[in-house]
């Protein structure tokens, strides 16, 4: 083969490089690998067909001088550049005689990833709606009074400090029994951390309400609260879960599936204080009603007792009057039957030596002795003759 029939590899690669020229555009890729060396980021990019097979591959490089792009992307989207993530990058195609074709990355489209995050959020909401998770928590009744409260937050989070300060300085002087379950509240590991806290709380079986909260932050810091697994775990919890995540403008899936949600941790603290205040007011009202009812009942009992005492007194007085009359009659009868009363009327009483009353003429014989008793004394007598009425009247 003549020399003019072939081209050296280096010449071919130079030709390819010339033909490519300056080719720079926005490209959607999926990260297959990511490594860091001396501040430089090296990627393996792929594109998959709908059936999951790899349709294209390319190497990508983001030099250390551009590494701020990655930090900005992660802050804005809440996502890390890791395997499986789809992103849109601004890439210039470069061809190296030794290393071949690669993509030199100069920018990453945050809006695409934020849009992906929003699409993922809508998809999660749709799934949770279909499986009935959106309303499951709302069917659980709140306890009459929150006696033991489980708090899920980070002990270093500003929202946790705001909640504690507000609750402990309440004007009513209420004291609350709460336990903090320390958790991550931002980042990709936060859903798993919060789920672990929920599992622990339910396993202990002593809490009657759960509060999940964190303070405000960048929107990307709160993406973890749109996680499907976390939302499903909240929905399946047998204890009422109340959330307070972020600022007033924030509203996440965790808020949607919770029993109640509040704009800020301070608003949740106000709700807790008002909750106890309303219970106290109802108890005070009930106590006053019971007290009034008892007062009325006592008054009725006193009136009834007064009537009973009056009736008893009337009955006793009537009985006493009746007894007094009977006693008077008996006393009069006894007095009238007293021999001394008879004697004072001019009658005399005949008695023998022993004082036995002589009731008829045959009580003594002639020659017998007896006495005639007068009211003021007696006569001692001797029977010299006895005349029986009817026999000796002739």
Protein backbone atom coordinates (compact mmCIF):
# COMPACT_ATOMS: atom_id res chain seq x y z
CA UNK A 1 0.00 0.00 0.00
CA UNK A 2 1.46 3.30 -1.02
CA UNK A 3 2.16 5.86 1.64
CA UNK A 4 -0.26 8.32 0.05
CA UNK A 5 -3.07 5.79 0.65
CA UNK A 6 -3.11 6.17 4.50
CA UNK A 7 -2.97 8.85 7.26
CA UNK A 8 -1.17 8.81 10.54
CA UNK A 9 -3.36 8.55 13.64
CA UNK A 10 -2.14 11.87 14.95
CA UNK A 11 -3.04 13.47 11.65
CA UNK A 12 -6.53 11.92 11.82
CA UNK A 13 -7.01 13.22 15.34
CA UNK A 14 -5.83 16.67 14.28
CA UNK A 15 -8.36 16.53 11.48
CA UNK A 16 -11.12 15.52 13.88
CA UNK A 17 -10.16 18.35 16.20
CA UNK A 18 -10.24 20.83 13.31
CA UNK A 19 -13.58 19.54 12.10
CA UNK A 20 -15.12 19.79 15.59
CA UNK A 21 -13.90 23.36 15.90
CA UNK A 22 -15.41 25.37 18.77
CA UNK A 23 -18.54 23.39 19.65
CA UNK A 24 -20.21 24.56 22.90
CA UNK A 25 -23.82 24.01 23.99
CA UNK A 26 -26.17 23.00 26.79
CA UNK A 27 -26.30 19.22 27.10
CA UNK A 28 -28.46 16.99 29.33
CA UNK A 29 -26.46 14.17 30.88
CA UNK A 30 -26.71 11.60 33.65
CA UNK A 31 -23.80 11.28 36.04
CA UNK A 32 -22.35 7.76 36.01
CA UNK A 33 -19.29 8.61 38.09
CA UNK A 34 -17.75 11.59 39.85
CA UNK A 35 -14.29 11.95 41.35
CA UNK A 36 -12.21 14.81 42.69
CA UNK A 37 -8.47 15.29 42.34
CA UNK A 38 -6.49 18.39 43.30
CA UNK A 39 -9.64 20.49 43.16
CA UNK A 40 -10.58 19.27 39.68
CA UNK A 41 -13.84 17.34 39.14
CA UNK A 42 -13.90 14.40 36.75
CA UNK A 43 -17.18 12.92 35.55
CA UNK A 44 -18.38 10.00 33.59
CA UNK A 45 -21.55 11.00 31.69
CA UNK A 46 -24.06 8.70 30.04
CA UNK A 47 -27.40 8.83 28.27
CA UNK A 48 -29.87 5.98 28.68
CA UNK A 49 -32.60 4.79 26.36
CA UNK A 50 -36.14 4.41 27.74
CA UNK A 51 -35.39 0.72 28.25
CA UNK A 52 -32.43 1.59 30.47
CA UNK A 53 -29.67 0.69 28.03
CA UNK A 54 -26.76 3.10 27.63
CA UNK A 55 -27.04 5.02 24.37
CA UNK A 56 -24.00 7.29 24.73
CA UNK A 57 -21.02 7.94 27.00
CA UNK A 58 -18.57 10.81 27.45
CA UNK A 59 -15.99 12.09 29.87
CA UNK A 60 -16.47 15.44 31.55
CA UNK A 61 -14.13 17.81 33.34
CA UNK A 62 -14.77 20.77 35.57
CA UNK A 63 -11.53 22.50 36.49
CA UNK A 64 -10.80 23.76 40.00
CA UNK A 65 -11.08 27.35 38.84
CA UNK A 66 -14.76 26.68 38.11
CA UNK A 67 -15.52 24.64 41.26
CA UNK A 68 -17.68 27.45 42.64
CA UNK A 69 -20.26 26.40 40.06
CA UNK A 70 -20.80 23.15 41.95
CA UNK A 71 -21.22 24.87 45.34
CA UNK A 72 -23.74 27.31 43.85
CA UNK A 73 -25.64 24.45 42.22
CA UNK A 74 -25.86 22.44 45.44
CA UNK A 75 -27.02 25.48 47.43
CA UNK A 76 -29.69 26.33 44.90
CA UNK A 77 -31.04 22.83 44.31
CA UNK A 78 -30.22 20.98 47.51
CA UNK A 79 -28.72 18.20 45.41
CA UNK A 80 -25.24 16.79 45.29
CA UNK A 81 -23.54 15.85 42.05
CA UNK A 82 -23.68 12.11 42.52
CA UNK A 83 -24.33 8.97 40.51
CA UNK A 84 -27.75 8.79 38.91
CA UNK A 85 -28.45 12.53 38.94
CA UNK A 86 -29.56 14.09 35.63
CA UNK A 87 -28.28 17.60 35.00
CA UNK A 88 -27.95 20.07 32.15
CA UNK A 89 -24.41 21.39 31.68
CA UNK A 90 -22.85 24.03 29.49
CA UNK A 91 -20.06 22.03 27.79
CA UNK A 92 -17.42 22.73 25.22
CA UNK A 93 -16.43 19.69 23.19
CA UNK A 94 -12.69 19.05 23.27
CA UNK A 95 -10.67 16.40 21.53
CA UNK A 96 -7.24 15.33 22.78
CA UNK A 97 -4.95 13.11 20.72
CA UNK A 98 -4.24 10.90 23.77
CA UNK A 99 -7.35 11.21 25.97
CA UNK A 100 -9.89 11.48 23.20
CA UNK A 101 -13.18 13.36 23.29
CA UNK A 102 -14.27 15.06 26.52
CA UNK A 103 -16.67 17.76 27.70
CA UNK A 104 -15.20 20.79 29.38
CA UNK A 105 -17.95 22.06 31.75
CA UNK A 106 -18.31 25.81 32.24
CA UNK A 107 -21.76 26.00 33.89
CA UNK A 108 -24.63 23.91 35.29
CA UNK A 109 -28.27 24.86 34.75
CA UNK A 110 -29.78 25.20 38.23
CA UNK A 111 -33.25 25.91 36.86
CA UNK A 112 -33.42 22.55 35.12
CA UNK A 113 -32.61 20.70 38.33
CA UNK A 114 -34.99 22.88 40.34
CA UNK A 115 -37.66 22.07 37.77
CA UNK A 116 -36.82 18.41 38.10
CA UNK A 117 -37.18 18.75 41.83
CA UNK A 118 -40.60 20.36 41.39
CA UNK A 119 -41.68 17.62 38.99
CA UNK A 120 -40.51 15.04 41.50
CA UNK A 121 -42.49 16.83 44.23
CA UNK A 122 -45.67 16.76 42.13
CA UNK A 123 -45.14 13.08 41.38
CA UNK A 124 -44.72 12.33 45.10
CA UNK A 125 -47.90 14.27 45.92
CA UNK A 126 -49.79 12.28 43.30
CA UNK A 127 -48.54 8.96 44.70
CA UNK A 128 -49.39 9.94 48.27
CA UNK A 129 -52.84 11.10 47.21
CA UNK A 130 -53.55 7.85 45.41
CA UNK A 131 -52.54 5.66 48.34
CA UNK A 132 -54.59 7.73 50.84
CA UNK A 133 -51.61 9.09 52.76
CA UNK A 134 -52.64 12.75 52.55
CA UNK A 135 -55.53 12.44 55.02
CA UNK A 136 -54.42 9.53 57.21
CA UNK A 137 -52.87 11.69 59.93
CA UNK A 138 -55.84 14.04 60.03
CA UNK A 139 -58.10 11.17 61.10
CA UNK A 140 -56.15 10.72 64.35
CA UNK A 141 -57.67 12.75 67.23
CA UNK A 142 -55.38 15.06 69.16
CA UNK A 143 -55.06 14.25 72.87
CA UNK A 144 -57.17 16.34 75.24
CA UNK A 145 -53.98 17.65 76.83
CA UNK A 146 -50.41 17.17 75.49
CA UNK A 147 -48.83 15.41 78.45
CA UNK A 148 -45.68 14.04 76.73
CA UNK A 149 -44.31 15.71 73.60
CA UNK A 150 -41.64 14.30 71.28
CA UNK A 151 -39.61 16.94 69.42
CA UNK A 152 -37.75 16.06 66.22
CA UNK A 153 -35.20 18.70 65.28
CA UNK A 154 -31.53 19.50 65.42
CA UNK A 155 -30.31 20.79 68.76
CA UNK A 156 -28.23 23.34 66.85
CA UNK A 157 -31.09 24.55 64.63
CA UNK A 158 -32.26 28.13 65.15
CA UNK A 159 -35.86 26.94 64.92
CA UNK A 160 -35.37 24.60 67.87
CA UNK A 161 -33.98 27.44 69.96
CA UNK A 162 -36.86 29.73 68.96
CA UNK A 163 -39.41 27.07 69.93
CA UNK A 164 -37.85 26.32 73.32
CA UNK A 165 -37.40 29.98 74.24
CA UNK A 166 -40.98 30.80 73.30
CA UNK A 167 -42.47 27.86 75.17
CA UNK A 168 -40.44 28.27 78.34
CA UNK A 169 -41.10 32.02 78.61
CA UNK A 170 -44.88 31.78 78.12
CA UNK A 171 -46.85 34.35 80.12
CA UNK A 172 -49.19 31.73 81.59
CA UNK A 173 -46.29 29.99 83.32
CA UNK A 174 -47.13 26.58 81.86
CA UNK A 175 -44.55 23.81 82.15
CA UNK A 176 -44.29 21.23 79.37
CA UNK A 177 -42.91 17.71 79.34
CA UNK A 178 -40.97 17.28 76.10
CA UNK A 179 -38.05 15.20 74.83
CA UNK A 180 -35.77 16.12 71.92
CA UNK A 181 -34.90 13.45 69.37
CA UNK A 182 -31.89 14.96 67.67
CA UNK A 183 -32.04 14.65 63.89
CA UNK A 184 -30.63 16.04 60.69
CA UNK A 185 -33.04 18.59 59.24
CA UNK A 186 -31.44 19.33 55.90
CA UNK A 187 -29.55 17.47 53.22
CA UNK A 188 -30.00 14.10 51.53
CA UNK A 189 -29.56 12.15 54.79
CA UNK A 190 -32.24 14.11 56.68
CA UNK A 191 -35.27 11.98 55.62
CA UNK A 192 -33.62 8.78 56.86
CA UNK A 193 -32.59 10.51 60.11
CA UNK A 194 -36.12 11.81 60.79
CA UNK A 195 -37.66 8.43 59.92
CA UNK A 196 -35.33 6.79 62.44
CA UNK A 197 -36.54 9.24 65.13
CA UNK A 198 -40.18 8.47 64.30
CA UNK A 199 -39.49 4.74 64.63
CA UNK A 200 -37.84 5.26 68.02
CA UNK A 201 -40.66 7.46 69.31
CA UNK A 202 -43.36 4.98 68.34
CA UNK A 203 -41.41 2.06 69.80
CA UNK A 204 -41.23 3.78 73.21
CA UNK A 205 -45.01 4.10 73.28
CA UNK A 206 -45.18 6.94 75.81
CA UNK A 207 -45.65 10.05 73.65
CA UNK A 208 -49.03 11.45 72.66
CA UNK A 209 -47.93 14.04 70.07
CA UNK A 210 -44.88 14.65 67.83
CA UNK A 211 -43.53 18.02 66.64
CA UNK A 212 -41.16 18.19 63.65
CA UNK A 213 -39.60 21.58 63.00
CA UNK A 214 -36.64 23.57 61.76
CA UNK A 215 -36.07 27.23 61.14
CA UNK A 216 -35.86 28.98 57.83
CA UNK A 217 -33.10 28.64 55.30
CA UNK A 218 -32.45 28.43 51.61
CA UNK A 219 -35.16 26.67 49.65
CA UNK A 220 -32.72 23.93 48.80
CA UNK A 221 -32.12 23.28 52.52
CA UNK A 222 -35.75 22.21 52.86
CA UNK A 223 -36.01 19.86 49.88
CA UNK A 224 -35.60 16.90 52.22
CA UNK A 225 -39.12 17.57 53.52
CA UNK A 226 -40.51 16.72 50.07
CA UNK A 227 -39.07 13.20 50.27
CA UNK A 228 -41.64 10.50 49.50
CA UNK A 229 -40.41 7.98 52.09
CA UNK A 230 -40.42 10.59 54.85
CA UNK A 231 -43.91 11.78 53.92
CA UNK A 232 -45.22 8.21 53.84
CA UNK A 233 -43.68 7.47 57.25
CA UNK A 234 -45.31 10.57 58.75
CA UNK A 235 -48.66 9.56 57.26
CA UNK A 236 -48.35 6.04 58.69
CA UNK A 237 -47.42 7.22 62.18
CA UNK A 238 -50.01 6.27 64.84
CA UNK A 239 -49.23 9.42 66.86
CA UNK A 240 -50.39 12.88 65.68
CA UNK A 241 -47.52 14.66 63.91
CA UNK A 242 -47.42 18.48 63.74
CA UNK A 243 -44.89 20.25 61.53
CA UNK A 244 -43.33 23.71 61.38
CA UNK A 245 -40.80 23.88 58.58
CA UNK A 246 -39.06 26.96 57.28
CA UNK A 247 -40.52 30.41 56.69
CA UNK A 248 -44.12 31.47 56.17
CA UNK A 249 -43.77 31.04 52.41
CA UNK A 250 -42.62 27.41 52.67
CA UNK A 251 -45.03 24.51 52.26
CA UNK A 252 -43.66 21.02 51.84
CA UNK A 253 -45.06 17.52 51.43
CA UNK A 254 -44.26 16.75 55.06
CA UNK A 255 -46.61 19.64 55.95
CA UNK A 256 -49.29 18.28 53.64
CA UNK A 257 -49.41 14.80 55.17
CA UNK A 258 -49.08 15.93 58.80
CA UNK A 259 -51.99 16.27 61.21
CA UNK A 260 -51.49 20.06 61.29
CA UNK A 261 -48.76 22.33 59.97
CA UNK A 262 -47.56 25.74 61.08
CA UNK A 263 -45.57 28.40 59.28
CA UNK A 264 -42.78 28.67 61.85
CA UNK A 265 -41.59 26.93 65.04
CA UNK A 266 -42.72 30.00 66.99
CA UNK A 267 -46.22 29.64 65.56
CA UNK A 268 -46.21 26.00 66.68
CA UNK A 269 -45.13 27.10 70.17
CA UNK A 270 -48.04 29.58 70.26
CA UNK A 271 -50.42 26.80 69.26
CA UNK A 272 -49.15 24.60 72.11
CA UNK A 273 -49.58 27.38 74.67
CA UNK A 274 -53.07 28.25 73.35
CA UNK A 275 -53.97 24.55 73.40
CA UNK A 276 -53.22 24.26 77.12
CA UNK A 277 -54.87 27.63 77.81
CA UNK A 278 -58.12 26.49 76.18
CA UNK A 279 -58.07 23.25 78.18
CA UNK A 280 -57.52 25.23 81.36
CA UNK A 281 -60.37 27.59 80.44
CA UNK A 282 -62.73 24.66 79.80
CA UNK A 283 -61.71 23.04 83.08
CA UNK A 284 -62.21 26.31 84.96
CA UNK A 285 -65.62 26.73 83.36
CA UNK A 286 -66.54 23.15 84.19
CA UNK A 287 -65.34 23.60 87.77
CA UNK A 288 -67.44 26.75 88.12
CA UNK A 289 -70.47 24.92 86.72
CA UNK A 290 -69.94 22.04 89.16
CA UNK A 291 -69.48 24.51 91.99
CA UNK A 292 -72.72 26.30 91.05
CA UNK A 293 -74.55 23.00 90.79
CA UNK A 294 -73.23 21.94 94.19
CA UNK A 295 -74.23 25.28 95.71
CA UNK A 296 -77.76 24.88 94.27
CA UNK A 297 -77.94 21.31 95.48
CA UNK A 298 -76.77 22.28 98.96
CA UNK A 299 -79.33 25.09 99.05
CA UNK A 300 -82.08 22.68 98.03
CA UNK A 301 -80.92 20.20 100.65
CA UNK A 302 -80.83 22.92 103.29
CA UNK A 303 -84.37 24.02 102.38
CA UNK A 304 -85.57 20.45 102.45
CA UNK A 305 -83.81 19.88 105.77
CA UNK A 306 -85.41 23.04 107.16
CA UNK A 307 -88.83 21.80 106.06
CA UNK A 308 -88.12 18.39 107.55
CA UNK A 309 -86.94 19.90 110.85
CA UNK A 310 -90.02 22.14 110.96
CA UNK A 311 -92.29 19.16 110.31
CA UNK A 312 -90.45 17.10 112.89
CA UNK A 313 -90.69 19.89 115.45
CA UNK A 314 -94.42 20.25 114.74
CA UNK A 315 -94.92 16.53 115.14
CA UNK A 316 -92.84 16.42 118.30
CA UNK A 317 -94.74 19.38 119.79
CA UNK A 318 -98.06 17.77 118.94
CA UNK A 319 -96.92 14.48 120.46
CA UNK A 320 -95.62 16.27 123.53
CA UNK A 321 -98.88 18.19 123.93
CA UNK A 322 -100.80 14.96 123.62
CA UNK A 323 -98.55 13.27 126.16
CA UNK A 324 -98.81 16.23 128.49
CA UNK A 325 -102.62 16.06 128.32
CA UNK A 326 -102.55 12.34 128.99
CA UNK A 327 -100.15 12.81 131.87
CA UNK A 328 -102.38 15.53 133.28
CA UNK A 329 -105.40 13.26 133.07
CA UNK A 330 -103.51 10.38 134.64
CA UNK A 331 -102.16 12.69 137.32
CA UNK A 332 -105.63 13.94 138.05
CA UNK A 333 -106.93 10.37 138.20
CA UNK A 334 -104.11 9.35 140.49
CA UNK A 335 -104.66 12.38 142.65
CA UNK A 336 -108.38 11.74 142.86
CA UNK A 337 -107.77 8.09 143.75
CA UNK A 338 -105.41 9.00 146.58
CA UNK A 339 -107.06 7.97 149.94
CA UNK A 340 -105.83 11.20 151.48
CA UNK A 341 -107.91 13.14 149.01
CA UNK A 342 -110.96 11.11 149.96
CA UNK A 343 -110.28 11.59 153.65
CA UNK A 344 -110.00 15.35 153.21
CA UNK A 345 -113.54 15.27 151.84
CA UNK A 346 -114.86 14.04 155.28
CA UNK A 347 -114.67 10.34 154.76
CA UNK A 348 -112.86 7.91 157.16
CA UNK A 349 -110.98 4.71 156.49
CA UNK A 350 -111.28 1.59 158.67
CA UNK A 351 -108.03 -0.37 158.96
CA UNK A 352 -106.88 -3.21 161.23
CA UNK A 353 -103.79 -3.28 163.39
CA UNK A 354 -101.60 -3.95 160.34
CA UNK A 355 -103.06 -1.07 158.38
CA UNK A 356 -105.12 -3.31 156.08
CA UNK A 357 -108.27 -1.62 154.88
CA UNK A 358 -111.45 -3.21 156.22
CA UNK A 359 -113.75 -3.35 153.26
CA UNK A 360 -116.92 -4.99 154.74
CA UNK A 361 -118.66 -5.61 158.01
CA UNK A 362 -117.43 -9.16 158.28
CA UNK A 363 -113.77 -8.13 158.20
CA UNK A 364 -113.81 -8.15 162.05
CA UNK A 365 -115.83 -9.85 164.73
CA UNK A 366 -117.26 -8.42 167.96
CA UNK A 367 -114.42 -7.81 170.37
CA UNK A 368 -111.99 -7.09 167.55
CA UNK A 369 -109.92 -3.97 167.39
CA UNK A 370 -109.61 -1.57 164.44
CA UNK A 371 -108.83 2.05 163.70
CA UNK A 372 -110.76 4.81 161.99
CA UNK A 373 -108.34 6.91 159.96
CA UNK A 374 -109.19 10.56 159.38
CA UNK A 375 -107.31 13.03 157.21
CA UNK A 376 -105.58 14.52 160.26
CA UNK A 377 -105.30 11.34 162.44
CA UNK A 378 -107.04 8.17 163.65
CA UNK A 379 -109.22 6.62 166.33
CA UNK A 380 -108.48 3.26 167.85
CA UNK A 381 -111.75 1.36 168.35
CA UNK A 382 -113.16 -1.85 169.82
CA UNK A 383 -116.09 -3.68 168.27
CA UNK A 384 -118.81 -4.09 170.89
CA UNK A 385 -121.61 -4.96 168.54
CA UNK A 386 -122.05 -5.82 164.86
CA UNK A 387 -125.16 -5.20 162.84
CA UNK A 388 -125.43 -6.56 159.31
CA UNK A 389 -127.71 -4.45 157.10
CA UNK A 390 -130.80 -6.27 156.02
CA UNK A 391 -130.73 -8.93 158.73
CA UNK A 392 -131.10 -6.84 161.82
CA UNK A 393 -133.25 -4.08 160.35
CA UNK A 394 -136.37 -5.69 161.61
